[in-house]
Amino acid sequence: MVKLIRWSFFIFGLIIFSLGISLTINMQHLGVHPWDVLTVGLFEKMGLTIGTWNILIGLTLIGITLALDKKYIRIGTLINAVMVGMFVDFFLWMDFLPQARKAWTDILPMLSGILLMGFGGGLYNAAEIGAGPRDGFMLSISEKLSAPIARVRIITESSVLVFGFLLGGPVFIFSIIFTFIQSPIFQSTYLHFNRIIEKITAGRIKKSVS
């Protein structure tokens, strides 16, 4: 039952996170997250789908991380890499999300998408089933180089942003301020739901023992 609770939070978090990505991609003229700049750029240049590129990049990062430090790769990391890409393609294919009007009102769905990404990311990480492939990659690099995680994240995401831009990915103001909005939401959501999950699982364990 404890595992079921954690997996439920994990899967629900992935769905919300993917929904947020899809929403921001629909508003891409305002700029998207650096990793999504890359996936959209690859999609524009080489075809396939945005979700497929999300999966391929995730699996590539998992491969690199495995070579550097296996401890950052768990079953949830692999599921994350595949399911997020699948859900993103599904939500974009369903075509039920707001479409860009190229007006100031597009800021509202963009902010909603960022909020969903922060909330969903915090939720699935709180389940502690496995970090995302990008997080695992940056953590392993940080440990190997003995460099601060924040510095590794900035350098990595800046490099991804530039490469994605060169491929024709959508870069604008929200590509720069994305992290400043998403990170606080992620942190507060993670801490809140991590406490909730711990309380639920602790209660279940006490009942099973008694």
N, C-alpha and C. Protein backbone atom coordinates (compact mmCIF):
# COMPACT_ATOMS: atom_id res chain seq x y z
N MET A 1 0.82 -1.21 0.00
CA MET A 1 0.00 0.00 0.00
C MET A 1 0.86 1.28 0.00
N VAL A 2 1.98 1.20 0.74
CA VAL A 2 2.90 2.35 0.79
C VAL A 2 3.45 2.65 -0.60
N LYS A 3 3.84 1.59 -1.31
CA LYS A 3 4.37 1.78 -2.67
C LYS A 3 3.31 2.35 -3.59
N LEU A 4 2.07 1.90 -3.43
CA LEU A 4 0.98 2.39 -4.26
C LEU A 4 0.79 3.90 -4.07
N ILE A 5 0.90 4.35 -2.82
CA ILE A 5 0.75 5.77 -2.52
C ILE A 5 1.84 6.58 -3.21
N ARG A 6 3.08 6.11 -3.09
CA ARG A 6 4.19 6.83 -3.71
C ARG A 6 4.06 6.84 -5.23
N TRP A 7 3.69 5.71 -5.80
CA TRP A 7 3.54 5.63 -7.26
C TRP A 7 2.39 6.50 -7.76
N SER A 8 1.35 6.61 -6.98
CA SER A 8 0.21 7.46 -7.36
C SER A 8 0.63 8.93 -7.42
N PHE A 9 1.37 9.38 -6.42
CA PHE A 9 1.88 10.75 -6.41
C PHE A 9 2.84 10.96 -7.59
N PHE A 10 3.66 9.96 -7.83
CA PHE A 10 4.66 10.04 -8.90
C PHE A 10 4.01 10.19 -10.28
N ILE A 11 3.08 9.30 -10.58
CA ILE A 11 2.42 9.32 -11.90
C ILE A 11 1.59 10.59 -12.08
N PHE A 12 0.86 10.96 -11.04
CA PHE A 12 0.04 12.18 -11.11
C PHE A 12 0.93 13.40 -11.32
N GLY A 13 2.08 13.42 -10.66
CA GLY A 13 3.02 14.52 -10.84
C GLY A 13 3.55 14.59 -12.26
N LEU A 14 3.86 13.45 -12.84
CA LEU A 14 4.35 13.41 -14.23
C LEU A 14 3.30 13.94 -15.20
N ILE A 15 2.04 13.58 -14.97
CA ILE A 15 0.96 14.04 -15.84
C ILE A 15 0.82 15.57 -15.77
N ILE A 16 0.84 16.10 -14.55
CA ILE A 16 0.71 17.55 -14.37
C ILE A 16 1.91 18.26 -15.00
N PHE A 17 3.10 17.72 -14.75
CA PHE A 17 4.33 18.30 -15.31
C PHE A 17 4.27 18.34 -16.84
N SER A 18 3.83 17.24 -17.44
CA SER A 18 3.73 17.15 -18.90
C SER A 18 2.68 18.11 -19.45
N LEU A 19 1.59 18.26 -18.71
CA LEU A 19 0.54 19.21 -19.12
C LEU A 19 1.10 20.63 -19.14
N GLY A 20 1.91 20.95 -18.13
CA GLY A 20 2.53 22.27 -18.08
C GLY A 20 3.46 22.51 -19.25
N ILE A 21 4.27 21.50 -19.59
CA ILE A 21 5.17 21.62 -20.75
C ILE A 21 4.36 21.89 -22.02
N SER A 22 3.30 21.12 -22.22
CA SER A 22 2.48 21.26 -23.42
C SER A 22 1.86 22.65 -23.51
N LEU A 23 1.42 23.17 -22.37
CA LEU A 23 0.81 24.50 -22.34
C LEU A 23 1.81 25.57 -22.71
N THR A 24 3.03 25.47 -22.18
CA THR A 24 4.05 26.49 -22.50
C THR A 24 4.49 26.37 -23.96
N ILE A 25 4.52 25.17 -24.50
CA ILE A 25 4.90 24.99 -25.90
C ILE A 25 3.88 25.67 -26.82
N ASN A 26 2.61 25.62 -26.44
CA ASN A 26 1.59 26.33 -27.23
C ASN A 26 1.80 27.84 -27.21
N MET A 27 2.47 28.34 -26.18
CA MET A 27 2.75 29.78 -26.06
C MET A 27 4.23 30.06 -26.33
N GLN A 28 4.85 29.24 -27.18
CA GLN A 28 6.29 29.27 -27.35
C GLN A 28 6.83 30.58 -27.89
N HIS A 29 6.00 31.42 -28.47
CA HIS A 29 6.50 32.70 -28.97
C HIS A 29 6.98 33.59 -27.83
N LEU A 30 6.56 33.26 -26.60
CA LEU A 30 7.02 34.01 -25.43
C LEU A 30 8.32 33.44 -24.87
N GLY A 31 8.75 32.28 -25.41
CA GLY A 31 9.93 31.60 -24.91
C GLY A 31 9.53 30.43 -24.04
N VAL A 32 10.32 29.37 -24.06
CA VAL A 32 10.04 28.19 -23.23
C VAL A 32 11.29 27.82 -22.44
N HIS A 33 11.15 26.81 -21.60
CA HIS A 33 12.26 26.32 -20.79
C HIS A 33 13.42 25.89 -21.71
N PRO A 34 14.68 26.11 -21.29
CA PRO A 34 15.83 25.75 -22.14
C PRO A 34 15.78 24.36 -22.73
N TRP A 35 15.40 23.35 -21.93
CA TRP A 35 15.34 21.99 -22.49
C TRP A 35 14.25 21.87 -23.55
N ASP A 36 13.17 22.63 -23.40
CA ASP A 36 12.10 22.59 -24.39
C ASP A 36 12.47 23.40 -25.63
N VAL A 37 13.32 24.41 -25.46
CA VAL A 37 13.87 25.12 -26.62
C VAL A 37 14.60 24.11 -27.51
N LEU A 38 15.35 23.21 -26.87
CA LEU A 38 16.09 22.19 -27.61
C LEU A 38 15.16 21.21 -28.30
N THR A 39 14.15 20.70 -27.58
CA THR A 39 13.26 19.71 -28.20
C THR A 39 12.46 20.31 -29.35
N VAL A 40 12.00 21.55 -29.19
CA VAL A 40 11.25 22.21 -30.26
C VAL A 40 12.19 22.48 -31.44
N GLY A 41 13.43 22.90 -31.15
CA GLY A 41 14.39 23.15 -32.23
C GLY A 41 14.69 21.89 -33.02
N LEU A 42 14.87 20.77 -32.34
CA LEU A 42 15.11 19.49 -33.02
C LEU A 42 13.90 19.07 -33.84
N PHE A 43 12.72 19.29 -33.27
CA PHE A 43 11.48 18.98 -33.99
C PHE A 43 11.37 19.80 -35.27
N GLU A 44 11.71 21.09 -35.19
CA GLU A 44 11.62 21.96 -36.37
C GLU A 44 12.63 21.58 -37.44
N LYS A 45 13.82 21.16 -37.02
CA LYS A 45 14.89 20.87 -37.97
C LYS A 45 14.86 19.45 -38.51
N MET A 46 14.47 18.49 -37.66
CA MET A 46 14.66 17.09 -38.03
C MET A 46 13.38 16.25 -38.03
N GLY A 47 12.27 16.85 -37.67
CA GLY A 47 11.03 16.09 -37.68
C GLY A 47 10.83 15.30 -36.40
N LEU A 48 10.19 14.13 -36.50
CA LEU A 48 9.71 13.37 -35.34
C LEU A 48 8.74 14.24 -34.55
N THR A 49 8.53 13.96 -33.29
CA THR A 49 7.62 14.78 -32.48
C THR A 49 8.40 15.38 -31.32
N ILE A 50 7.82 16.41 -30.71
CA ILE A 50 8.46 17.05 -29.57
C ILE A 50 8.63 16.05 -28.43
N GLY A 51 7.59 15.24 -28.20
CA GLY A 51 7.66 14.23 -27.15
C GLY A 51 8.72 13.18 -27.43
N THR A 52 8.87 12.79 -28.70
CA THR A 52 9.89 11.80 -29.07
C THR A 52 11.28 12.34 -28.78
N TRP A 53 11.51 13.59 -29.12
CA TRP A 53 12.82 14.20 -28.83
C TRP A 53 13.04 14.31 -27.32
N ASN A 54 11.96 14.56 -26.59
CA ASN A 54 12.06 14.60 -25.13
C ASN A 54 12.54 13.25 -24.59
N ILE A 55 11.97 12.18 -25.13
CA ILE A 55 12.36 10.83 -24.73
C ILE A 55 13.80 10.53 -25.10
N LEU A 56 14.17 10.84 -26.34
CA LEU A 56 15.52 10.54 -26.82
C LEU A 56 16.58 11.29 -26.03
N ILE A 57 16.33 12.55 -25.73
CA ILE A 57 17.27 13.34 -24.93
C ILE A 57 17.36 12.76 -23.52
N GLY A 58 16.20 12.42 -22.95
CA GLY A 58 16.19 11.84 -21.61
C GLY A 58 16.97 10.55 -21.53
N LEU A 59 16.78 9.66 -22.51
CA LEU A 59 17.50 8.39 -22.51
C LEU A 59 19.00 8.59 -22.71
N THR A 60 19.36 9.57 -23.54
CA THR A 60 20.78 9.88 -23.76
C THR A 60 21.42 10.35 -22.45
N LEU A 61 20.72 11.23 -21.73
CA LEU A 61 21.25 11.74 -20.46
C LEU A 61 21.35 10.62 -19.42
N ILE A 62 20.39 9.70 -19.44
CA ILE A 62 20.45 8.56 -18.53
C ILE A 62 21.67 7.70 -18.81
N GLY A 63 21.96 7.50 -20.11
CA GLY A 63 23.15 6.73 -20.50
C GLY A 63 24.43 7.37 -20.00
N ILE A 64 24.52 8.69 -20.14
CA ILE A 64 25.71 9.41 -19.67
C ILE A 64 25.82 9.33 -18.16
N THR A 65 24.69 9.51 -17.48
CA THR A 65 24.67 9.47 -16.02
C THR A 65 25.07 8.09 -15.50
N LEU A 66 24.61 7.04 -16.17
CA LEU A 66 24.98 5.68 -15.78
C LEU A 66 26.49 5.49 -15.84
N ALA A 67 27.11 6.09 -16.85
CA ALA A 67 28.56 5.98 -16.99
C ALA A 67 29.30 6.76 -15.91
N LEU A 68 28.66 7.84 -15.43
CA LEU A 68 29.30 8.69 -14.42
C LEU A 68 29.03 8.23 -13.00
N ASP A 69 27.77 7.94 -12.72
CA ASP A 69 27.38 7.55 -11.36
C ASP A 69 26.01 6.89 -11.37
N LYS A 70 25.97 5.58 -11.21
CA LYS A 70 24.72 4.83 -11.32
C LYS A 70 23.71 5.16 -10.24
N LYS A 71 24.16 5.72 -9.12
CA LYS A 71 23.25 5.92 -7.99
C LYS A 71 22.14 6.92 -8.28
N TYR A 72 22.32 7.75 -9.32
CA TYR A 72 21.30 8.74 -9.65
C TYR A 72 20.23 8.20 -10.60
N ILE A 73 20.38 6.94 -11.02
CA ILE A 73 19.41 6.35 -11.93
C ILE A 73 18.60 5.27 -11.20
N ARG A 74 17.29 5.46 -11.19
CA ARG A 74 16.38 4.48 -10.59
C ARG A 74 15.27 4.19 -11.60
N ILE A 75 14.41 3.26 -11.28
CA ILE A 75 13.33 2.89 -12.20
C ILE A 75 12.46 4.09 -12.55
N GLY A 76 12.24 4.97 -11.55
CA GLY A 76 11.43 6.17 -11.80
C GLY A 76 12.06 7.11 -12.80
N THR A 77 13.40 7.11 -12.88
CA THR A 77 14.10 7.97 -13.84
C THR A 77 13.79 7.52 -15.26
N LEU A 78 13.83 6.21 -15.48
CA LEU A 78 13.53 5.67 -16.80
C LEU A 78 12.07 5.91 -17.18
N ILE A 79 11.18 5.69 -16.22
CA ILE A 79 9.75 5.91 -16.48
C ILE A 79 9.49 7.39 -16.77
N ASN A 80 10.15 8.25 -16.03
CA ASN A 80 10.04 9.69 -16.25
C ASN A 80 10.41 10.05 -17.69
N ALA A 81 11.56 9.55 -18.14
CA ALA A 81 12.06 9.87 -19.48
C ALA A 81 11.06 9.50 -20.57
N VAL A 82 10.40 8.36 -20.39
CA VAL A 82 9.46 7.88 -21.42
C VAL A 82 8.08 8.52 -21.28
N MET A 83 7.55 8.55 -20.06
CA MET A 83 6.17 8.98 -19.87
C MET A 83 5.97 10.48 -20.14
N VAL A 84 6.93 11.30 -19.74
CA VAL A 84 6.78 12.75 -19.98
C VAL A 84 6.66 13.02 -21.48
N GLY A 85 7.54 12.40 -22.27
CA GLY A 85 7.47 12.58 -23.72
C GLY A 85 6.16 12.09 -24.30
N MET A 86 5.69 10.94 -23.82
CA MET A 86 4.42 10.38 -24.31
C MET A 86 3.24 11.30 -23.96
N PHE A 87 3.22 11.78 -22.72
CA PHE A 87 2.12 12.65 -22.30
C PHE A 87 2.14 13.99 -23.03
N VAL A 88 3.34 14.53 -23.26
CA VAL A 88 3.44 15.81 -23.99
C VAL A 88 2.85 15.65 -25.39
N ASP A 89 3.25 14.58 -26.08
CA ASP A 89 2.70 14.34 -27.42
C ASP A 89 1.19 14.13 -27.36
N PHE A 90 0.73 13.42 -26.33
CA PHE A 90 -0.71 13.16 -26.19
C PHE A 90 -1.48 14.47 -25.99
N PHE A 91 -1.02 15.32 -25.10
CA PHE A 91 -1.72 16.58 -24.83
C PHE A 91 -1.70 17.51 -26.05
N LEU A 92 -0.58 17.54 -26.76
CA LEU A 92 -0.50 18.37 -27.96
C LEU A 92 -1.41 17.81 -29.06
N TRP A 93 -1.48 16.49 -29.16
CA TRP A 93 -2.33 15.85 -30.16
C TRP A 93 -3.81 16.06 -29.84
N MET A 94 -4.17 16.05 -28.56
CA MET A 94 -5.56 16.26 -28.16
C MET A 94 -6.05 17.67 -28.53
N ASP A 95 -5.14 18.61 -28.54
CA ASP A 95 -5.43 19.97 -29.00
C ASP A 95 -6.57 20.64 -28.22
N PHE A 96 -6.58 20.46 -26.90
CA PHE A 96 -7.62 21.07 -26.07
C PHE A 96 -7.09 22.24 -25.25
N LEU A 97 -5.78 22.45 -25.30
CA LEU A 97 -5.18 23.52 -24.52
C LEU A 97 -5.29 24.85 -25.26
N PRO A 98 -5.24 25.98 -24.53
CA PRO A 98 -5.31 27.29 -25.18
C PRO A 98 -4.24 27.47 -26.24
N GLN A 99 -4.60 28.09 -27.33
CA GLN A 99 -3.66 28.38 -28.41
C GLN A 99 -3.20 29.83 -28.33
N ALA A 100 -2.01 30.08 -28.83
CA ALA A 100 -1.45 31.43 -28.78
C ALA A 100 -2.27 32.41 -29.61
N ARG A 101 -2.53 33.57 -29.04
CA ARG A 101 -3.23 34.64 -29.75
C ARG A 101 -2.26 35.74 -30.19
N LYS A 102 -0.99 35.57 -29.81
CA LYS A 102 0.05 36.58 -30.07
C LYS A 102 -0.34 37.92 -29.47
N ALA A 103 -0.93 37.86 -28.28
CA ALA A 103 -1.34 39.06 -27.56
C ALA A 103 -0.88 38.94 -26.11
N TRP A 104 -1.04 40.02 -25.34
CA TRP A 104 -0.59 40.02 -23.95
C TRP A 104 -1.31 38.96 -23.11
N THR A 105 -2.50 38.57 -23.55
CA THR A 105 -3.27 37.56 -22.81
C THR A 105 -2.59 36.19 -22.82
N ASP A 106 -1.64 35.97 -23.74
CA ASP A 106 -0.91 34.71 -23.77
C ASP A 106 -0.04 34.52 -22.53
N ILE A 107 0.23 35.60 -21.83
CA ILE A 107 1.06 35.52 -20.62
C ILE A 107 0.37 34.66 -19.55
N LEU A 108 -0.96 34.74 -19.50
CA LEU A 108 -1.71 34.00 -18.48
C LEU A 108 -1.57 32.48 -18.64
N PRO A 109 -1.81 31.91 -19.83
CA PRO A 109 -1.59 30.47 -19.97
C PRO A 109 -0.12 30.08 -19.84
N MET A 110 0.80 30.98 -20.24
CA MET A 110 2.21 30.69 -20.07
C MET A 110 2.55 30.56 -18.58
N LEU A 111 2.09 31.50 -17.78
CA LEU A 111 2.32 31.43 -16.33
C LEU A 111 1.66 30.20 -15.73
N SER A 112 0.48 29.85 -16.25
CA SER A 112 -0.21 28.65 -15.76
C SER A 112 0.62 27.40 -16.07
N GLY A 113 1.21 27.36 -17.26
CA GLY A 113 2.04 26.23 -17.64
C GLY A 113 3.27 26.11 -16.75
N ILE A 114 3.91 27.23 -16.46
CA ILE A 114 5.08 27.24 -15.58
C ILE A 114 4.70 26.77 -14.18
N LEU A 115 3.54 27.25 -13.70
CA LEU A 115 3.05 26.83 -12.39
C LEU A 115 2.82 25.33 -12.35
N LEU A 116 2.20 24.78 -13.41
CA LEU A 116 1.94 23.35 -13.47
C LEU A 116 3.24 22.55 -13.51
N MET A 117 4.24 23.05 -14.24
CA MET A 117 5.52 22.36 -14.29
C MET A 117 6.20 22.34 -12.92
N GLY A 118 6.16 23.47 -12.24
CA GLY A 118 6.75 23.53 -10.91
C GLY A 118 6.02 22.63 -9.93
N PHE A 119 4.69 22.67 -9.98
CA PHE A 119 3.87 21.85 -9.09
C PHE A 119 4.06 20.37 -9.38
N GLY A 120 3.95 20.00 -10.66
CA GLY A 120 4.10 18.59 -11.04
C GLY A 120 5.48 18.05 -10.75
N GLY A 121 6.51 18.88 -11.02
CA GLY A 121 7.88 18.45 -10.75
C GLY A 121 8.11 18.21 -9.27
N GLY A 122 7.60 19.12 -8.43
CA GLY A 122 7.72 18.94 -6.99
C GLY A 122 6.98 17.71 -6.51
N LEU A 123 5.82 17.45 -7.13
CA LEU A 123 4.97 16.32 -6.72
C LEU A 123 5.64 14.98 -7.04
N TYR A 124 6.14 14.81 -8.26
CA TYR A 124 6.72 13.51 -8.60
C TYR A 124 8.07 13.30 -7.91
N ASN A 125 8.79 14.36 -7.63
CA ASN A 125 10.05 14.21 -6.90
C ASN A 125 9.80 13.88 -5.43
N ALA A 126 8.69 14.40 -4.89
CA ALA A 126 8.35 14.13 -3.49
C ALA A 126 8.10 12.65 -3.24
N ALA A 127 7.68 11.93 -4.27
CA ALA A 127 7.42 10.50 -4.15
C ALA A 127 8.70 9.69 -3.96
N GLU A 128 9.84 10.29 -4.32
CA GLU A 128 11.17 9.68 -4.13
C GLU A 128 11.29 8.33 -4.83
N ILE A 129 10.75 8.25 -6.04
CA ILE A 129 10.87 7.03 -6.83
C ILE A 129 12.01 7.16 -7.83
N GLY A 130 12.41 8.38 -8.10
CA GLY A 130 13.53 8.62 -9.01
C GLY A 130 13.47 10.02 -9.56
N ALA A 131 14.63 10.68 -9.58
CA ALA A 131 14.70 12.03 -10.13
C ALA A 131 14.58 11.97 -11.65
N GLY A 132 14.30 13.12 -12.26
CA GLY A 132 14.23 13.17 -13.71
C GLY A 132 15.61 12.97 -14.33
N PRO A 133 15.67 12.55 -15.60
CA PRO A 133 16.97 12.30 -16.24
C PRO A 133 17.86 13.53 -16.30
N ARG A 134 17.27 14.71 -16.44
CA ARG A 134 18.07 15.94 -16.49
C ARG A 134 18.66 16.26 -15.12
N ASP A 135 17.86 16.08 -14.08
CA ASP A 135 18.35 16.32 -12.73
C ASP A 135 19.47 15.35 -12.36
N GLY A 136 19.27 14.08 -12.69
CA GLY A 136 20.29 13.07 -12.40
C GLY A 136 21.58 13.37 -13.13
N PHE A 137 21.45 13.80 -14.38
CA PHE A 137 22.63 14.15 -15.19
C PHE A 137 23.40 15.29 -14.54
N MET A 138 22.70 16.35 -14.15
CA MET A 138 23.38 17.51 -13.57
C MET A 138 23.97 17.20 -12.19
N LEU A 139 23.29 16.36 -11.42
CA LEU A 139 23.82 15.96 -10.12
C LEU A 139 25.10 15.15 -10.27
N SER A 140 25.12 14.25 -11.24
CA SER A 140 26.32 13.42 -11.46
C SER A 140 27.49 14.27 -11.94
N ILE A 141 27.23 15.23 -12.81
CA ILE A 141 28.28 16.15 -13.28
C ILE A 141 28.82 16.96 -12.11
N SER A 142 27.90 17.46 -11.29
CA SER A 142 28.29 18.26 -10.13
C SER A 142 29.20 17.48 -9.20
N GLU A 143 28.86 16.20 -8.98
CA GLU A 143 29.66 15.39 -8.07
C GLU A 143 31.02 15.06 -8.66
N LYS A 144 31.06 14.73 -9.96
CA LYS A 144 32.32 14.38 -10.60
C LYS A 144 33.30 15.56 -10.64
N LEU A 145 32.76 16.76 -10.85
CA LEU A 145 33.61 17.94 -10.95
C LEU A 145 33.79 18.66 -9.63
N SER A 146 33.10 18.18 -8.59
CA SER A 146 33.11 18.84 -7.28
C SER A 146 32.71 20.31 -7.42
N ALA A 147 31.71 20.53 -8.26
CA ALA A 147 31.23 21.89 -8.53
C ALA A 147 29.84 22.07 -7.93
N PRO A 148 29.49 23.30 -7.54
CA PRO A 148 28.15 23.57 -7.00
C PRO A 148 27.07 23.19 -7.99
N ILE A 149 26.00 22.60 -7.48
CA ILE A 149 24.89 22.18 -8.35
C ILE A 149 24.31 23.36 -9.11
N ALA A 150 24.15 24.50 -8.43
CA ALA A 150 23.58 25.68 -9.07
C ALA A 150 24.41 26.11 -10.28
N ARG A 151 25.75 26.07 -10.13
CA ARG A 151 26.62 26.47 -11.23
C ARG A 151 26.51 25.50 -12.40
N VAL A 152 26.47 24.21 -12.09
CA VAL A 152 26.34 23.19 -13.14
C VAL A 152 25.02 23.36 -13.87
N ARG A 153 23.94 23.63 -13.11
CA ARG A 153 22.63 23.82 -13.73
C ARG A 153 22.63 25.03 -14.66
N ILE A 154 23.21 26.14 -14.21
CA ILE A 154 23.24 27.35 -15.02
C ILE A 154 24.02 27.12 -16.31
N ILE A 155 25.21 26.50 -16.18
CA ILE A 155 26.05 26.26 -17.37
C ILE A 155 25.36 25.29 -18.32
N THR A 156 24.79 24.21 -17.76
CA THR A 156 24.14 23.20 -18.60
C THR A 156 22.95 23.78 -19.34
N GLU A 157 22.06 24.44 -18.61
CA GLU A 157 20.84 24.97 -19.23
C GLU A 157 21.13 26.13 -20.17
N SER A 158 22.17 26.91 -19.88
CA SER A 158 22.56 27.99 -20.80
C SER A 158 23.09 27.41 -22.11
N SER A 159 23.89 26.33 -22.00
CA SER A 159 24.42 25.67 -23.20
C SER A 159 23.29 25.06 -24.03
N VAL A 160 22.35 24.41 -23.34
CA VAL A 160 21.20 23.81 -24.02
C VAL A 160 20.37 24.89 -24.70
N LEU A 161 20.20 26.03 -24.02
CA LEU A 161 19.43 27.14 -24.58
C LEU A 161 20.06 27.66 -25.86
N VAL A 162 21.38 27.85 -25.85
CA VAL A 162 22.09 28.36 -27.04
C VAL A 162 22.00 27.36 -28.18
N PHE A 163 22.22 26.08 -27.88
CA PHE A 163 22.16 25.05 -28.92
C PHE A 163 20.76 24.96 -29.51
N GLY A 164 19.76 24.99 -28.63
CA GLY A 164 18.38 24.95 -29.11
C GLY A 164 18.03 26.16 -29.95
N PHE A 165 18.54 27.33 -29.56
CA PHE A 165 18.31 28.56 -30.32
C PHE A 165 18.92 28.46 -31.72
N LEU A 166 20.12 27.90 -31.80
CA LEU A 166 20.80 27.74 -33.09
C LEU A 166 20.03 26.79 -34.01
N LEU A 167 19.28 25.87 -33.40
CA LEU A 167 18.45 24.95 -34.19
C LEU A 167 17.11 25.56 -34.58
N GLY A 168 16.85 26.76 -34.06
CA GLY A 168 15.59 27.43 -34.39
C GLY A 168 14.55 27.33 -33.30
N GLY A 169 14.95 26.90 -32.10
CA GLY A 169 14.02 26.79 -30.99
C GLY A 169 13.56 28.15 -30.51
N PRO A 170 12.38 28.21 -29.86
CA PRO A 170 11.79 29.49 -29.45
C PRO A 170 12.43 30.06 -28.18
N VAL A 171 13.18 31.13 -28.33
CA VAL A 171 13.82 31.80 -27.20
C VAL A 171 13.28 33.22 -27.09
N PHE A 172 12.76 33.55 -25.92
CA PHE A 172 12.31 34.92 -25.66
C PHE A 172 12.37 35.14 -24.15
N ILE A 173 11.73 36.18 -23.67
CA ILE A 173 11.89 36.60 -22.29
C ILE A 173 11.62 35.50 -21.27
N PHE A 174 10.60 34.66 -21.52
CA PHE A 174 10.28 33.62 -20.54
C PHE A 174 11.33 32.51 -20.50
N SER A 175 12.14 32.38 -21.54
CA SER A 175 13.23 31.41 -21.51
C SER A 175 14.26 31.80 -20.45
N ILE A 176 14.37 33.09 -20.19
CA ILE A 176 15.33 33.60 -19.22
C ILE A 176 14.77 33.55 -17.80
N ILE A 177 13.52 33.95 -17.65
CA ILE A 177 12.95 34.07 -16.30
C ILE A 177 12.25 32.79 -15.82
N PHE A 178 12.21 31.78 -16.70
CA PHE A 178 11.51 30.53 -16.41
C PHE A 178 11.90 29.96 -15.05
N THR A 179 13.22 29.79 -14.85
CA THR A 179 13.71 29.15 -13.62
C THR A 179 13.36 29.95 -12.38
N PHE A 180 13.36 31.28 -12.50
CA PHE A 180 13.08 32.12 -11.34
C PHE A 180 11.63 31.97 -10.86
N ILE A 181 10.74 31.58 -11.78
CA ILE A 181 9.34 31.37 -11.43
C ILE A 181 9.10 29.93 -10.99
N GLN A 182 9.65 28.99 -11.78
CA GLN A 182 9.37 27.58 -11.56
C GLN A 182 10.04 27.03 -10.30
N SER A 183 11.28 27.40 -10.04
CA SER A 183 12.04 26.82 -8.93
C SER A 183 11.38 27.01 -7.57
N PRO A 184 10.90 28.21 -7.21
CA PRO A 184 10.25 28.36 -5.90
C PRO A 184 8.98 27.52 -5.77
N ILE A 185 8.22 27.40 -6.88
CA ILE A 185 7.01 26.58 -6.86
C ILE A 185 7.38 25.12 -6.66
N PHE A 186 8.42 24.70 -7.38
CA PHE A 186 8.90 23.32 -7.26
C PHE A 186 9.32 23.02 -5.82
N GLN A 187 10.10 23.91 -5.24
CA GLN A 187 10.62 23.67 -3.89
C GLN A 187 9.51 23.58 -2.85
N SER A 188 8.58 24.53 -2.89
CA SER A 188 7.51 24.53 -1.89
C SER A 188 6.60 23.32 -2.07
N THR A 189 6.31 22.95 -3.33
CA THR A 189 5.48 21.77 -3.60
C THR A 189 6.17 20.50 -3.13
N TYR A 190 7.46 20.39 -3.44
CA TYR A 190 8.24 19.22 -3.04
C TYR A 190 8.22 19.03 -1.52
N LEU A 191 8.52 20.08 -0.80
CA LEU A 191 8.59 20.00 0.66
C LEU A 191 7.23 19.67 1.26
N HIS A 192 6.18 20.31 0.71
CA HIS A 192 4.83 20.10 1.24
C HIS A 192 4.37 18.66 1.05
N PHE A 193 4.49 18.16 -0.18
CA PHE A 193 3.99 16.82 -0.46
C PHE A 193 4.92 15.73 0.07
N ASN A 194 6.19 16.03 0.21
CA ASN A 194 7.09 15.07 0.82
C ASN A 194 6.68 14.81 2.27
N ARG A 195 6.29 15.89 2.98
CA ARG A 195 5.82 15.74 4.35
C ARG A 195 4.52 14.94 4.40
N ILE A 196 3.61 15.23 3.45
CA ILE A 196 2.33 14.51 3.41
C ILE A 196 2.55 13.02 3.15
N ILE A 197 3.41 12.70 2.18
CA ILE A 197 3.67 11.30 1.85
C ILE A 197 4.31 10.58 3.03
N GLU A 198 5.24 11.24 3.69
CA GLU A 198 5.90 10.63 4.85
C GLU A 198 4.90 10.35 5.97
N LYS A 199 3.97 11.28 6.19
CA LYS A 199 2.95 11.08 7.22
C LYS A 199 2.03 9.92 6.87
N ILE A 200 1.62 9.86 5.60
CA ILE A 200 0.72 8.78 5.16
C ILE A 200 1.41 7.43 5.28
N THR A 201 2.63 7.34 4.75
CA THR A 201 3.35 6.07 4.78
C THR A 201 3.70 5.66 6.21
N ALA A 202 4.04 6.63 7.05
CA ALA A 202 4.34 6.32 8.46
C ALA A 202 3.11 5.77 9.16
N GLY A 203 1.95 6.35 8.85
CA GLY A 203 0.70 5.87 9.43
C GLY A 203 0.37 4.47 8.98
N ARG A 204 0.62 4.19 7.69
CA ARG A 204 0.35 2.84 7.17
C ARG A 204 1.26 1.81 7.82
N ILE A 205 2.53 2.19 8.00
CA ILE A 205 3.48 1.25 8.60
C ILE A 205 3.11 0.95 10.05
N LYS A 206 2.68 1.99 10.81
CA LYS A 206 2.26 1.79 12.20
C LYS A 206 1.07 0.84 12.29
N LYS A 207 0.11 1.03 11.35
CA LYS A 207 -1.08 0.16 11.36
C LYS A 207 -0.71 -1.28 11.07
N SER A 208 0.20 -1.48 10.12
CA SER A 208 0.58 -2.84 9.75
C SER A 208 1.34 -3.54 10.88
N VAL A 209 2.13 -2.74 11.63
CA VAL A 209 2.89 -3.29 12.76
C VAL A 209 1.95 -3.66 13.91
N SER A 210 0.98 -2.76 14.18
CA SER A 210 0.06 -3.00 15.29
C SER A 210 -0.97 -4.08 14.91
